[in-house]
Amino acid sequence: MEERFEEILKDFLEDNGLTQTAFAEAIGVKQSQVSEWLKGKAKPGYDILKRMSISFGVTADYFLGIIGEYVKPDMHYKG
């Protein structure tokens, strides 16, 4: 079964010792918004997902549940 976004985010926060507030501040959203994501009531849009990836050096594929482990993006890719 596919892991849901709220489970992925919860695991990410726990694995990195982040509070909802610290995570929210790092990506420029309110803590209440992160709380809604963790409850499964909402999901981040494209721009926020992009900020999450850039802020924490983790590919969007991880947050989307496409891959099951952190993979840091190659910021030097010139494709």
C-alpha atoms as a PDB file:
ATOM      1  CA  MET A   1       0.000   0.000   0.000  1.00  0.00           C
ATOM      2  CA  GLU A   2       1.181   3.478  -0.865  1.00  0.00           C
ATOM      3  CA  GLU A   3       2.246   5.709   2.019  1.00  0.00           C
ATOM      4  CA  ARG A   4       0.098   8.823   2.374  1.00  0.00           C
ATOM      5  CA  PHE A   5       1.546  12.338   2.448  1.00  0.00           C
ATOM      6  CA  GLU A   6       0.659  12.920   6.091  1.00  0.00           C
ATOM      7  CA  GLU A   7       2.558   9.759   7.088  1.00  0.00           C
ATOM      8  CA  ILE A   8       5.573  10.765   5.014  1.00  0.00           C
ATOM      9  CA  LEU A   9       5.612  14.238   6.554  1.00  0.00           C
ATOM     10  CA  LYS A  10       5.162  12.914  10.098  1.00  0.00           C
ATOM     11  CA  ASP A  11       8.078  10.510   9.615  1.00  0.00           C
ATOM     12  CA  PHE A  12      10.223  13.278   8.106  1.00  0.00           C
ATOM     13  CA  LEU A  13       9.576  15.607  11.034  1.00  0.00           C
ATOM     14  CA  GLU A  14      10.316  12.871  13.593  1.00  0.00           C
ATOM     15  CA  ASP A  15      13.433  11.633  11.786  1.00  0.00           C
ATOM     16  CA  ASN A  16      14.838  15.166  11.656  1.00  0.00           C
ATOM     17  CA  GLY A  17      13.773  16.297  15.129  1.00  0.00           C
ATOM     18  CA  LEU A  18      11.595  19.063  13.695  1.00  0.00           C
ATOM     19  CA  THR A  19       8.547  20.596  15.295  1.00  0.00           C
ATOM     20  CA  GLN A  20       5.614  21.690  13.179  1.00  0.00           C
ATOM     21  CA  THR A  21       6.565  25.289  13.939  1.00  0.00           C
ATOM     22  CA  ALA A  22      10.220  24.891  12.902  1.00  0.00           C
ATOM     23  CA  PHE A  23       9.210  23.128   9.689  1.00  0.00           C
ATOM     24  CA  ALA A  24       6.597  25.791   8.913  1.00  0.00           C
ATOM     25  CA  GLU A  25       9.084  28.620   9.478  1.00  0.00           C
ATOM     26  CA  ALA A  26      11.655  26.938   7.227  1.00  0.00           C
ATOM     27  CA  ILE A  27       9.230  26.785   4.300  1.00  0.00           C
ATOM     28  CA  GLY A  28       7.360  30.044   4.931  1.00  0.00           C
ATOM     29  CA  VAL A  29       3.926  28.790   5.986  1.00  0.00           C
ATOM     30  CA  LYS A  30       1.892  28.909   9.187  1.00  0.00           C
ATOM     31  CA  GLN A  31       2.132  26.096  11.717  1.00  0.00           C
ATOM     32  CA  SER A  32      -1.621  25.598  11.392  1.00  0.00           C
ATOM     33  CA  GLN A  33      -1.128  24.737   7.727  1.00  0.00           C
ATOM     34  CA  VAL A  34       1.387  22.017   8.616  1.00  0.00           C
ATOM     35  CA  SER A  35      -1.082  20.727  11.205  1.00  0.00           C
ATOM     36  CA  GLU A  36      -3.767  20.415   8.515  1.00  0.00           C
ATOM     37  CA  TRP A  37      -1.358  18.422   6.324  1.00  0.00           C
ATOM     38  CA  LEU A  38      -0.543  16.075   9.202  1.00  0.00           C
ATOM     39  CA  LYS A  39      -4.259  15.490   9.832  1.00  0.00           C
ATOM     40  CA  GLY A  40      -4.793  14.673   6.158  1.00  0.00           C
ATOM     41  CA  LYS A  41      -7.199  17.589   5.711  1.00  0.00           C
ATOM     42  CA  ALA A  42      -5.051  19.360   3.100  1.00  0.00           C
ATOM     43  CA  LYS A  43      -1.906  18.917   1.027  1.00  0.00           C
ATOM     44  CA  PRO A  44       0.739  21.422  -0.054  1.00  0.00           C
ATOM     45  CA  GLY A  45       0.631  22.830  -3.555  1.00  0.00           C
ATOM     46  CA  TYR A  46       3.418  22.850  -6.105  1.00  0.00           C
ATOM     47  CA  ASP A  47       5.163  26.015  -4.855  1.00  0.00           C
ATOM     48  CA  ILE A  48       5.226  24.840  -1.250  1.00  0.00           C
ATOM     49  CA  LEU A  49       6.371  21.356  -2.218  1.00  0.00           C
ATOM     50  CA  LYS A  50       9.207  22.966  -4.163  1.00  0.00           C
ATOM     51  CA  ARG A  51      10.163  25.065  -1.089  1.00  0.00           C
ATOM     52  CA  MET A  52      10.107  21.936   1.088  1.00  0.00           C
ATOM     53  CA  SER A  53      12.505  20.194  -1.267  1.00  0.00           C
ATOM     54  CA  ILE A  54      14.878  23.133  -1.558  1.00  0.00           C
ATOM     55  CA  SER A  55      14.805  24.029   2.154  1.00  0.00           C
ATOM     56  CA  PHE A  56      15.654  20.524   3.306  1.00  0.00           C
ATOM     57  CA  GLY A  57      17.706  19.276   0.348  1.00  0.00           C
ATOM     58  CA  VAL A  58      15.321  16.386  -0.297  1.00  0.00           C
ATOM     59  CA  THR A  59      13.787  15.549  -3.659  1.00  0.00           C
ATOM     60  CA  ALA A  60      10.089  16.187  -4.148  1.00  0.00           C
ATOM     61  CA  ASP A  61       9.801  12.501  -5.088  1.00  0.00           C
ATOM     62  CA  TYR A  62      10.335  11.644  -1.416  1.00  0.00           C
ATOM     63  CA  PHE A  63       7.535  13.922  -0.190  1.00  0.00           C
ATOM     64  CA  LEU A  64       5.270  12.609  -2.971  1.00  0.00           C
ATOM     65  CA  GLY A  65       5.873   9.015  -1.899  1.00  0.00           C
ATOM     66  CA  ILE A  66       7.482   8.035  -5.198  1.00  0.00           C
ATOM     67  CA  ILE A  67      10.704   6.996  -3.476  1.00  0.00           C
ATOM     68  CA  GLY A  68      11.020   5.703   0.061  1.00  0.00           C
ATOM     69  CA  GLU A  69      14.240   7.356   1.159  1.00  0.00           C
ATOM     70  CA  TYR A  70      15.789  10.795   1.217  1.00  0.00           C
ATOM     71  CA  VAL A  71      17.672  11.552  -1.966  1.00  0.00           C
ATOM     72  CA  LYS A  72      19.405  14.890  -2.091  1.00  0.00           C
ATOM     73  CA  PRO A  73      18.945  16.530  -5.486  1.00  0.00           C
ATOM     74  CA  ASP A  74      21.960  17.259  -7.663  1.00  0.00           C
ATOM     75  CA  MET A  75      21.846  21.044  -7.666  1.00  0.00           C
ATOM     76  CA  HIS A  76      24.507  21.154 -10.404  1.00  0.00           C
ATOM     77  CA  TYR A  77      22.467  19.305 -13.020  1.00  0.00           C
ATOM     78  CA  LYS A  78      22.561  21.233 -16.300  1.00  0.00           C
ATOM     79  CA  GLY A  79      20.251  18.848 -18.305  1.00  0.00           C
END
